[in-house]
Amino acid sequence: MIIYNITIKIEHHIQNDWLMWMRTVHIPDVMATGLFVSHRLCKLLQQDEGDGVTYAVQYFCNNISDYFTYEQKHAAALQSAHQARYRNKYVAFRTLLRVIE
């Protein structure tokens, strides 16, 4: 199992809009690619929230090939939509993990 993890810090004043958009638009669009079997939306605890609230969005796929297909065919457009909507109101980094147990 592969986990595609996006950690993102969102400015306070757009947090509610971002959560609604993620739940109703972005996450469903990512899942509609058919390359992920499930997802999880998490809020990081015990983080400095002075300049924003931090979340982790995790998408689970069965193998690395499915992730690479997503990256090559879908990621740019989906990330561009997020960037256009929330430009300069967030910081994000992405990690790829392999479940070993």
PDB file of N, CA and C in Angstrom:
ATOM      1  N   MET A   1       0.853  -1.185   0.000  1.00  0.00           N
ATOM      2  CA  MET A   1       0.000   0.000   0.000  1.00  0.00           C
ATOM      3  C   MET A   1       0.892   1.240   0.000  1.00  0.00           C
ATOM      4  N   ILE A   2       0.532   2.215  -0.813  1.00  0.00           N
ATOM      5  CA  ILE A   2       1.250   3.481  -0.920  1.00  0.00           C
ATOM      6  C   ILE A   2       0.341   4.592  -0.402  1.00  0.00           C
ATOM      7  N   ILE A   3       0.929   5.514   0.361  1.00  0.00           N
ATOM      8  CA  ILE A   3       0.187   6.675   0.851  1.00  0.00           C
ATOM      9  C   ILE A   3       0.806   7.919   0.233  1.00  0.00           C
ATOM     10  N   TYR A   4      -0.022   8.663  -0.459  1.00  0.00           N
ATOM     11  CA  TYR A   4       0.356   9.969  -0.991  1.00  0.00           C
ATOM     12  C   TYR A   4      -0.159  10.986   0.021  1.00  0.00           C
ATOM     13  N   ASN A   5       0.749  11.658   0.712  1.00  0.00           N
ATOM     14  CA  ASN A   5       0.413  12.558   1.811  1.00  0.00           C
ATOM     15  C   ASN A   5       0.719  14.003   1.436  1.00  0.00           C
ATOM     16  N   ILE A   6      -0.272  14.868   1.611  1.00  0.00           N
ATOM     17  CA  ILE A   6      -0.073  16.297   1.392  1.00  0.00           C
ATOM     18  C   ILE A   6      -0.310  16.986   2.723  1.00  0.00           C
ATOM     19  N   THR A   7       0.713  17.637   3.254  1.00  0.00           N
ATOM     20  CA  THR A   7       0.591  18.407   4.485  1.00  0.00           C
ATOM     21  C   THR A   7       0.464  19.862   4.074  1.00  0.00           C
ATOM     22  N   ILE A   8      -0.557  20.529   4.613  1.00  0.00           N
ATOM     23  CA  ILE A   8      -0.871  21.873   4.160  1.00  0.00           C
ATOM     24  C   ILE A   8      -1.263  22.762   5.327  1.00  0.00           C
ATOM     25  N   LYS A   9      -0.689  23.941   5.365  1.00  0.00           N
ATOM     26  CA  LYS A   9      -1.039  24.936   6.379  1.00  0.00           C
ATOM     27  C   LYS A   9      -1.876  26.007   5.685  1.00  0.00           C
ATOM     28  N   ILE A  10      -3.097  26.189   6.190  1.00  0.00           N
ATOM     29  CA  ILE A  10      -4.085  27.087   5.610  1.00  0.00           C
ATOM     30  C   ILE A  10      -4.258  28.306   6.510  1.00  0.00           C
ATOM     31  N   GLU A  11      -4.337  29.478   5.932  1.00  0.00           N
ATOM     32  CA  GLU A  11      -4.595  30.669   6.730  1.00  0.00           C
ATOM     33  C   GLU A  11      -5.956  30.547   7.431  1.00  0.00           C
ATOM     34  N   HIS A  12      -6.023  31.082   8.635  1.00  0.00           N
ATOM     35  CA  HIS A  12      -7.226  30.951   9.466  1.00  0.00           C
ATOM     36  C   HIS A  12      -8.490  31.410   8.758  1.00  0.00           C
ATOM     37  N   HIS A  13      -8.449  32.551   8.098  1.00  0.00           N
ATOM     38  CA  HIS A  13      -9.678  33.134   7.551  1.00  0.00           C
ATOM     39  C   HIS A  13     -10.271  32.362   6.379  1.00  0.00           C
ATOM     40  N   ILE A  14      -9.543  31.419   5.795  1.00  0.00           N
ATOM     41  CA  ILE A  14     -10.107  30.614   4.703  1.00  0.00           C
ATOM     42  C   ILE A  14     -10.290  29.154   5.091  1.00  0.00           C
ATOM     43  N   GLN A  15     -10.006  28.813   6.325  1.00  0.00           N
ATOM     44  CA  GLN A  15     -10.058  27.422   6.763  1.00  0.00           C
ATOM     45  C   GLN A  15     -11.405  26.753   6.468  1.00  0.00           C
ATOM     46  N   ASN A  16     -12.506  27.382   6.817  1.00  0.00           N
ATOM     47  CA  ASN A  16     -13.816  26.755   6.605  1.00  0.00           C
ATOM     48  C   ASN A  16     -14.128  26.577   5.128  1.00  0.00           C
ATOM     49  N   ASP A  17     -13.811  27.592   4.321  1.00  0.00           N
ATOM     50  CA  ASP A  17     -14.021  27.481   2.882  1.00  0.00           C
ATOM     51  C   ASP A  17     -13.164  26.356   2.312  1.00  0.00           C
ATOM     52  N   TRP A  18     -11.907  26.297   2.738  1.00  0.00           N
ATOM     53  CA  TRP A  18     -10.990  25.268   2.243  1.00  0.00           C
ATOM     54  C   TRP A  18     -11.502  23.874   2.587  1.00  0.00           C
ATOM     55  N   LEU A  19     -11.923  23.683   3.829  1.00  0.00           N
ATOM     56  CA  LEU A  19     -12.433  22.364   4.237  1.00  0.00           C
ATOM     57  C   LEU A  19     -13.642  21.962   3.405  1.00  0.00           C
ATOM     58  N   MET A  20     -14.564  22.892   3.196  1.00  0.00           N
ATOM     59  CA  MET A  20     -15.749  22.578   2.404  1.00  0.00           C
ATOM     60  C   MET A  20     -15.355  22.241   0.968  1.00  0.00           C
ATOM     61  N   TRP A  21     -14.461  23.037   0.383  1.00  0.00           N
ATOM     62  CA  TRP A  21     -14.028  22.792  -0.988  1.00  0.00           C
ATOM     63  C   TRP A  21     -13.301  21.456  -1.113  1.00  0.00           C
ATOM     64  N   MET A  22     -12.451  21.159  -0.155  1.00  0.00           N
ATOM     65  CA  MET A  22     -11.740  19.868  -0.180  1.00  0.00           C
ATOM     66  C   MET A  22     -12.723  18.706  -0.125  1.00  0.00           C
ATOM     67  N   ARG A  23     -13.694  18.792   0.782  1.00  0.00           N
ATOM     68  CA  ARG A  23     -14.659  17.696   0.965  1.00  0.00           C
ATOM     69  C   ARG A  23     -15.613  17.534  -0.221  1.00  0.00           C
ATOM     70  N   THR A  24     -15.996  18.630  -0.841  1.00  0.00           N
ATOM     71  CA  THR A  24     -17.033  18.550  -1.869  1.00  0.00           C
ATOM     72  C   THR A  24     -16.511  18.588  -3.302  1.00  0.00           C
ATOM     73  N   VAL A  25     -15.291  19.085  -3.495  1.00  0.00           N
ATOM     74  CA  VAL A  25     -14.762  19.223  -4.859  1.00  0.00           C
ATOM     75  C   VAL A  25     -13.438  18.483  -5.029  1.00  0.00           C
ATOM     76  N   HIS A  26     -12.413  18.926  -4.309  1.00  0.00           N
ATOM     77  CA  HIS A  26     -11.065  18.440  -4.599  1.00  0.00           C
ATOM     78  C   HIS A  26     -10.881  16.946  -4.293  1.00  0.00           C
ATOM     79  N   ILE A  27     -11.201  16.529  -3.101  1.00  0.00           N
ATOM     80  CA  ILE A  27     -11.031  15.103  -2.765  1.00  0.00           C
ATOM     81  C   ILE A  27     -11.879  14.230  -3.685  1.00  0.00           C
ATOM     82  N   PRO A  28     -13.158  14.565  -3.928  1.00  0.00           N
ATOM     83  CA  PRO A  28     -13.911  13.747  -4.893  1.00  0.00           C
ATOM     84  C   PRO A  28     -13.275  13.715  -6.284  1.00  0.00           C
ATOM     85  N   ASP A  29     -12.695  14.837  -6.730  1.00  0.00           N
ATOM     86  CA  ASP A  29     -12.019  14.842  -8.034  1.00  0.00           C
ATOM     87  C   ASP A  29     -10.808  13.914  -8.041  1.00  0.00           C
ATOM     88  N   VAL A  30     -10.022  13.929  -6.980  1.00  0.00           N
ATOM     89  CA  VAL A  30      -8.861  13.035  -6.896  1.00  0.00           C
ATOM     90  C   VAL A  30      -9.328  11.578  -6.880  1.00  0.00           C
ATOM     91  N   MET A  31     -10.338  11.291  -6.084  1.00  0.00           N
ATOM     92  CA  MET A  31     -10.832   9.914  -6.004  1.00  0.00           C
ATOM     93  C   MET A  31     -11.448   9.456  -7.325  1.00  0.00           C
ATOM     94  N   ALA A  32     -12.017  10.384  -8.084  1.00  0.00           N
ATOM     95  CA  ALA A  32     -12.640  10.043  -9.374  1.00  0.00           C
ATOM     96  C   ALA A  32     -11.625   9.582 -10.415  1.00  0.00           C
ATOM     97  N   THR A  33     -10.336   9.813 -10.169  1.00  0.00           N
ATOM     98  CA  THR A  33      -9.328   9.292 -11.099  1.00  0.00           C
ATOM     99  C   THR A  33      -9.312   7.773 -11.099  1.00  0.00           C
ATOM    100  N   GLY A  34      -9.849   7.155 -10.036  1.00  0.00           N
ATOM    101  CA  GLY A  34      -9.879   5.701  -9.934  1.00  0.00           C
ATOM    102  C   GLY A  34      -8.557   5.083  -9.524  1.00  0.00           C
ATOM    103  N   LEU A  35      -7.583   5.911  -9.187  1.00  0.00           N
ATOM    104  CA  LEU A  35      -6.253   5.394  -8.869  1.00  0.00           C
ATOM    105  C   LEU A  35      -6.011   5.223  -7.376  1.00  0.00           C
ATOM    106  N   PHE A  36      -6.888   5.774  -6.561  1.00  0.00           N
ATOM    107  CA  PHE A  36      -6.769   5.646  -5.112  1.00  0.00           C
ATOM    108  C   PHE A  36      -7.948   4.844  -4.576  1.00  0.00           C
ATOM    109  N   VAL A  37      -7.687   4.043  -3.552  1.00  0.00           N
ATOM    110  CA  VAL A  37      -8.741   3.187  -2.998  1.00  0.00           C
ATOM    111  C   VAL A  37      -9.444   3.826  -1.813  1.00  0.00           C
ATOM    112  N   SER A  38      -8.800   4.787  -1.169  1.00  0.00           N
ATOM    113  CA  SER A  38      -9.420   5.496  -0.053  1.00  0.00           C
ATOM    114  C   SER A  38      -8.626   6.763   0.238  1.00  0.00           C
ATOM    115  N   HIS A  39      -9.158   7.547   1.141  1.00  0.00           N
ATOM    116  CA  HIS A  39      -8.473   8.779   1.539  1.00  0.00           C
ATOM    117  C   HIS A  39      -8.760   9.057   3.012  1.00  0.00           C
ATOM    118  N   ARG A  40      -7.999   9.997   3.546  1.00  0.00           N
ATOM    119  CA  ARG A  40      -8.182  10.428   4.939  1.00  0.00           C
ATOM    120  C   ARG A  40      -7.819  11.903   5.005  1.00  0.00           C
ATOM    121  N   LEU A  41      -8.627  12.677   5.735  1.00  0.00           N
ATOM    122  CA  LEU A  41      -8.359  14.086   5.978  1.00  0.00           C
ATOM    123  C   LEU A  41      -8.125  14.246   7.470  1.00  0.00           C
ATOM    124  N   CYS A  42      -6.944  14.735   7.843  1.00  0.00           N
ATOM    125  CA  CYS A  42      -6.549  14.823   9.248  1.00  0.00           C
ATOM    126  C   CYS A  42      -6.149  16.254   9.594  1.00  0.00           C
ATOM    127  N   LYS A  43      -6.375  16.623  10.841  1.00  0.00           N
ATOM    128  CA  LYS A  43      -5.899  17.905  11.357  1.00  0.00           C
ATOM    129  C   LYS A  43      -4.734  17.608  12.286  1.00  0.00           C
ATOM    130  N   LEU A  44      -3.616  18.265  12.066  1.00  0.00           N
ATOM    131  CA  LEU A  44      -2.459  18.069  12.928  1.00  0.00           C
ATOM    132  C   LEU A  44      -2.709  18.731  14.275  1.00  0.00           C
ATOM    133  N   LEU A  45      -2.335  18.044  15.326  1.00  0.00           N
ATOM    134  CA  LEU A  45      -2.490  18.548  16.686  1.00  0.00           C
ATOM    135  C   LEU A  45      -1.150  19.040  17.210  1.00  0.00           C
ATOM    136  N   GLN A  46      -1.193  19.857  18.208  1.00  0.00           N
ATOM    137  CA  GLN A  46      -0.014  20.381  18.886  1.00  0.00           C
ATOM    138  C   GLN A  46       0.941  21.076  17.918  1.00  0.00           C
ATOM    139  N   GLN A  47       0.357  21.842  16.998  1.00  0.00           N
ATOM    140  CA  GLN A  47       1.132  22.620  16.044  1.00  0.00           C
ATOM    141  C   GLN A  47       0.960  24.097  16.360  1.00  0.00           C
ATOM    142  N   ASP A  48       1.963  24.878  16.066  1.00  0.00           N
ATOM    143  CA  ASP A  48       1.851  26.323  16.202  1.00  0.00           C
ATOM    144  C   ASP A  48       0.842  26.803  15.157  1.00  0.00           C
ATOM    145  N   GLU A  49      -0.275  27.361  15.606  1.00  0.00           N
ATOM    146  CA  GLU A  49      -1.320  27.810  14.700  1.00  0.00           C
ATOM    147  C   GLU A  49      -1.344  29.323  14.559  1.00  0.00           C
ATOM    148  N   GLY A  50      -0.231  29.968  14.884  1.00  0.00           N
ATOM    149  CA  GLY A  50      -0.170  31.414  14.792  1.00  0.00           C
ATOM    150  C   GLY A  50      -0.418  31.947  13.394  1.00  0.00           C
ATOM    151  N   ASP A  51       0.075  31.254  12.393  1.00  0.00           N
ATOM    152  CA  ASP A  51      -0.094  31.734  11.025  1.00  0.00           C
ATOM    153  C   ASP A  51      -0.950  30.804  10.173  1.00  0.00           C
ATOM    154  N   GLY A  52      -1.655  29.867  10.799  1.00  0.00           N
ATOM    155  CA  GLY A  52      -2.551  28.990  10.051  1.00  0.00           C
ATOM    156  C   GLY A  52      -2.759  27.662  10.741  1.00  0.00           C
ATOM    157  N   VAL A  53      -3.668  26.896  10.181  1.00  0.00           N
ATOM    158  CA  VAL A  53      -4.036  25.586  10.705  1.00  0.00           C
ATOM    159  C   VAL A  53      -3.480  24.539   9.752  1.00  0.00           C
ATOM    160  N   THR A  54      -2.908  23.472  10.299  1.00  0.00           N
ATOM    161  CA  THR A  54      -2.248  22.466   9.475  1.00  0.00           C
ATOM    162  C   THR A  54      -3.086  21.196   9.368  1.00  0.00           C
ATOM    163  N   TYR A  55      -3.211  20.712   8.139  1.00  0.00           N
ATOM    164  CA  TYR A  55      -3.944  19.481   7.836  1.00  0.00           C
ATOM    165  C   TYR A  55      -3.046  18.540   7.051  1.00  0.00           C
ATOM    166  N   ALA A  56      -3.409  17.274   7.065  1.00  0.00           N
ATOM    167  CA  ALA A  56      -2.771  16.286   6.192  1.00  0.00           C
ATOM    168  C   ALA A  56      -3.890  15.586   5.428  1.00  0.00           C
ATOM    169  N   VAL A  57      -3.742  15.537   4.124  1.00  0.00           N
ATOM    170  CA  VAL A  57      -4.676  14.803   3.278  1.00  0.00           C
ATOM    171  C   VAL A  57      -3.912  13.596   2.765  1.00  0.00           C
ATOM    172  N   GLN A  58      -4.459  12.414   3.006  1.00  0.00           N
ATOM    173  CA  GLN A  58      -3.777  11.182   2.622  1.00  0.00           C
ATOM    174  C   GLN A  58      -4.639  10.403   1.640  1.00  0.00           C
ATOM    175  N   TYR A  59      -4.011  10.000   0.557  1.00  0.00           N
ATOM    176  CA  TYR A  59      -4.670   9.177  -0.450  1.00  0.00           C
ATOM    177  C   TYR A  59      -3.940   7.838  -0.496  1.00  0.00           C
ATOM    178  N   PHE A  60      -4.681   6.752  -0.502  1.00  0.00           N
ATOM    179  CA  PHE A  60      -4.117   5.406  -0.456  1.00  0.00           C
ATOM    180  C   PHE A  60      -4.305   4.722  -1.810  1.00  0.00           C
ATOM    181  N   CYS A  61      -3.200   4.185  -2.336  1.00  0.00           N
ATOM    182  CA  CYS A  61      -3.288   3.411  -3.571  1.00  0.00           C
ATOM    183  C   CYS A  61      -2.595   2.067  -3.372  1.00  0.00           C
ATOM    184  N   ASN A  62      -2.953   1.131  -4.216  1.00  0.00           N
ATOM    185  CA  ASN A  62      -2.463  -0.239  -4.048  1.00  0.00           C
ATOM    186  C   ASN A  62      -0.998  -0.422  -4.396  1.00  0.00           C
ATOM    187  N   ASN A  63      -0.481   0.423  -5.304  1.00  0.00           N
ATOM    188  CA  ASN A  63       0.898   0.222  -5.738  1.00  0.00           C
ATOM    189  C   ASN A  63       1.478   1.526  -6.272  1.00  0.00           C
ATOM    190  N   ILE A  64       2.772   1.535  -6.416  1.00  0.00           N
ATOM    191  CA  ILE A  64       3.489   2.727  -6.861  1.00  0.00           C
ATOM    192  C   ILE A  64       3.140   3.085  -8.306  1.00  0.00           C
ATOM    193  N   SER A  65       2.813   2.105  -9.105  1.00  0.00           N
ATOM    194  CA  SER A  65       2.429   2.342 -10.486  1.00  0.00           C
ATOM    195  C   SER A  65       1.172   3.218 -10.562  1.00  0.00           C
ATOM    196  N   ASP A  66       0.194   2.944  -9.712  1.00  0.00           N
ATOM    197  CA  ASP A  66      -1.020   3.763  -9.683  1.00  0.00           C
ATOM    198  C   ASP A  66      -0.687   5.203  -9.290  1.00  0.00           C
ATOM    199  N   TYR A  67       0.197   5.369  -8.329  1.00  0.00           N
ATOM    200  CA  TYR A  67       0.597   6.722  -7.938  1.00  0.00           C
ATOM    201  C   TYR A  67       1.267   7.446  -9.109  1.00  0.00           C
ATOM    202  N   PHE A  68       2.189   6.782  -9.797  1.00  0.00           N
ATOM    203  CA  PHE A  68       2.886   7.419 -10.909  1.00  0.00           C
ATOM    204  C   PHE A  68       1.919   7.768 -12.042  1.00  0.00           C
ATOM    205  N   THR A  69       0.924   6.932 -12.266  1.00  0.00           N
ATOM    206  CA  THR A  69      -0.107   7.255 -13.260  1.00  0.00           C
ATOM    207  C   THR A  69      -0.850   8.512 -12.846  1.00  0.00           C
ATOM    208  N   TYR A  70      -1.220   8.608 -11.574  1.00  0.00           N
ATOM    209  CA  TYR A  70      -1.878   9.817 -11.067  1.00  0.00           C
ATOM    210  C   TYR A  70      -0.977  11.037 -11.274  1.00  0.00           C
ATOM    211  N   GLU A  71       0.272  10.901 -10.890  1.00  0.00           N
ATOM    212  CA  GLU A  71       1.207  12.021 -10.988  1.00  0.00           C
ATOM    213  C   GLU A  71       1.360  12.493 -12.435  1.00  0.00           C
ATOM    214  N   GLN A  72       1.450  11.552 -13.368  1.00  0.00           N
ATOM    215  CA  GLN A  72       1.686  11.900 -14.768  1.00  0.00           C
ATOM    216  C   GLN A  72       0.441  12.428 -15.477  1.00  0.00           C
ATOM    217  N   LYS A  73      -0.740  11.902 -15.127  1.00  0.00           N
ATOM    218  CA  LYS A  73      -1.943  12.237 -15.888  1.00  0.00           C
ATOM    219  C   LYS A  73      -2.882  13.223 -15.207  1.00  0.00           C
ATOM    220  N   HIS A  74      -2.821  13.336 -13.877  1.00  0.00           N
ATOM    221  CA  HIS A  74      -3.852  14.099 -13.174  1.00  0.00           C
ATOM    222  C   HIS A  74      -3.336  15.169 -12.215  1.00  0.00           C
ATOM    223  N   ALA A  75      -2.185  14.962 -11.631  1.00  0.00           N
ATOM    224  CA  ALA A  75      -1.731  15.817 -10.528  1.00  0.00           C
ATOM    225  C   ALA A  75      -1.632  17.288 -10.915  1.00  0.00           C
ATOM    226  N   ALA A  76      -1.062  17.591 -12.042  1.00  0.00           N
ATOM    227  CA  ALA A  76      -0.837  18.993 -12.411  1.00  0.00           C
ATOM    228  C   ALA A  76      -2.147  19.778 -12.480  1.00  0.00           C
ATOM    229  N   ALA A  77      -3.157  19.233 -13.112  1.00  0.00           N
ATOM    230  CA  ALA A  77      -4.435  19.943 -13.241  1.00  0.00           C
ATOM    231  C   ALA A  77      -5.115  20.113 -11.885  1.00  0.00           C
ATOM    232  N   LEU A  78      -5.089  19.078 -11.060  1.00  0.00           N
ATOM    233  CA  LEU A  78      -5.735  19.162  -9.755  1.00  0.00           C
ATOM    234  C   LEU A  78      -4.992  20.126  -8.835  1.00  0.00           C
ATOM    235  N   GLN A  79      -3.680  20.108  -8.867  1.00  0.00           N
ATOM    236  CA  GLN A  79      -2.901  21.043  -8.053  1.00  0.00           C
ATOM    237  C   GLN A  79      -3.081  22.471  -8.552  1.00  0.00           C
ATOM    238  N   SER A  80      -3.213  22.642  -9.840  1.00  0.00           N
ATOM    239  CA  SER A  80      -3.425  23.965 -10.417  1.00  0.00           C
ATOM    240  C   SER A  80      -4.761  24.560  -9.966  1.00  0.00           C
ATOM    241  N   ALA A  81      -5.786  23.744  -9.892  1.00  0.00           N
ATOM    242  CA  ALA A  81      -7.097  24.217  -9.424  1.00  0.00           C
ATOM    243  C   ALA A  81      -7.009  24.698  -7.979  1.00  0.00           C
ATOM    244  N   HIS A  82      -6.282  23.950  -7.149  1.00  0.00           N
ATOM    245  CA  HIS A  82      -6.090  24.337  -5.748  1.00  0.00           C
ATOM    246  C   HIS A  82      -5.315  25.649  -5.675  1.00  0.00           C
ATOM    247  N   GLN A  83      -4.257  25.732  -6.444  1.00  0.00           N
ATOM    248  CA  GLN A  83      -3.420  26.939  -6.449  1.00  0.00           C
ATOM    249  C   GLN A  83      -4.223  28.156  -6.895  1.00  0.00           C
ATOM    250  N   ALA A  84      -5.025  28.005  -7.912  1.00  0.00           N
ATOM    251  CA  ALA A  84      -5.813  29.135  -8.415  1.00  0.00           C
ATOM    252  C   ALA A  84      -6.812  29.627  -7.367  1.00  0.00           C
ATOM    253  N   ARG A  85      -7.398  28.725  -6.623  1.00  0.00           N
ATOM    254  CA  ARG A  85      -8.410  29.099  -5.632  1.00  0.00           C
ATOM    255  C   ARG A  85      -7.788  29.703  -4.373  1.00  0.00           C
ATOM    256  N   TYR A  86      -6.628  29.200  -3.942  1.00  0.00           N
ATOM    257  CA  TYR A  86      -6.063  29.596  -2.644  1.00  0.00           C
ATOM    258  C   TYR A  86      -4.668  30.206  -2.754  1.00  0.00           C
ATOM    259  N   ARG A  87      -4.358  30.789  -3.859  1.00  0.00           N
ATOM    260  CA  ARG A  87      -3.038  31.375  -4.112  1.00  0.00           C
ATOM    261  C   ARG A  87      -2.587  32.268  -2.948  1.00  0.00           C
ATOM    262  N   ASN A  88      -1.363  32.024  -2.487  1.00  0.00           N
ATOM    263  CA  ASN A  88      -0.717  32.815  -1.424  1.00  0.00           C
ATOM    264  C   ASN A  88      -1.413  32.735  -0.070  1.00  0.00           C
ATOM    265  N   LYS A  89      -2.269  31.736   0.127  1.00  0.00           N
ATOM    266  CA  LYS A  89      -2.981  31.583   1.397  1.00  0.00           C
ATOM    267  C   LYS A  89      -2.662  30.247   2.067  1.00  0.00           C
ATOM    268  N   TYR A  90      -1.669  29.546   1.550  1.00  0.00           N
ATOM    269  CA  TYR A  90      -1.302  28.250   2.105  1.00  0.00           C
ATOM    270  C   TYR A  90       0.150  27.934   1.764  1.00  0.00           C
ATOM    271  N   VAL A  91       0.686  26.987   2.508  1.00  0.00           N
ATOM    272  CA  VAL A  91       1.953  26.355   2.149  1.00  0.00           C
ATOM    273  C   VAL A  91       1.711  24.850   2.238  1.00  0.00           C
ATOM    274  N   ALA A  92       2.361  24.112   1.363  1.00  0.00           N
ATOM    275  CA  ALA A  92       2.128  22.665   1.334  1.00  0.00           C
ATOM    276  C   ALA A  92       3.410  21.941   0.963  1.00  0.00           C
ATOM    277  N   PHE A  93       3.502  20.705   1.434  1.00  0.00           N
ATOM    278  CA  PHE A  93       4.544  19.818   0.937  1.00  0.00           C
ATOM    279  C   PHE A  93       3.965  18.415   0.828  1.00  0.00           C
ATOM    280  N   ARG A  94       4.532  17.669  -0.094  1.00  0.00           N
ATOM    281  CA  ARG A  94       4.021  16.344  -0.391  1.00  0.00           C
ATOM    282  C   ARG A  94       5.066  15.293  -0.056  1.00  0.00           C
ATOM    283  N   THR A  95       4.579  14.147   0.446  1.00  0.00           N
ATOM    284  CA  THR A  95       5.440  13.018   0.730  1.00  0.00           C
ATOM    285  C   THR A  95       4.768  11.749   0.214  1.00  0.00           C
ATOM    286  N   LEU A  96       5.579  10.782  -0.084  1.00  0.00           N
ATOM    287  CA  LEU A  96       5.104   9.482  -0.545  1.00  0.00           C
ATOM    288  C   LEU A  96       5.598   8.445   0.457  1.00  0.00           C
ATOM    289  N   LEU A  97       4.690   7.621   0.957  1.00  0.00           N
ATOM    290  CA  LEU A  97       5.048   6.626   1.966  1.00  0.00           C
ATOM    291  C   LEU A  97       4.626   5.242   1.521  1.00  0.00           C
ATOM    292  N   ARG A  98       5.393   4.255   1.913  1.00  0.00           N
ATOM    293  CA  ARG A  98       5.026   2.847   1.683  1.00  0.00           C
ATOM    294  C   ARG A  98       4.672   2.247   3.044  1.00  0.00           C
ATOM    295  N   VAL A  99       3.499   1.640   3.141  1.00  0.00           N
ATOM    296  CA  VAL A  99       3.100   0.968   4.369  1.00  0.00           C
ATOM    297  C   VAL A  99       3.901  -0.332   4.455  1.00  0.00           C
ATOM    298  N   ILE A 100       4.597  -0.533   5.590  1.00  0.00           N
ATOM    299  CA  ILE A 100       5.390  -1.740   5.752  1.00  0.00           C
ATOM    300  C   ILE A 100       4.791  -2.705   6.770  1.00  0.00           C
ATOM    301  N   GLU A 101       3.870  -2.248   7.562  1.00  0.00           N
ATOM    302  CA  GLU A 101       3.162  -3.145   8.493  1.00  0.00           C
ATOM    303  C   GLU A 101       1.725  -2.739   8.600  1.00  0.00           C
TER     304      GLU A 101
END
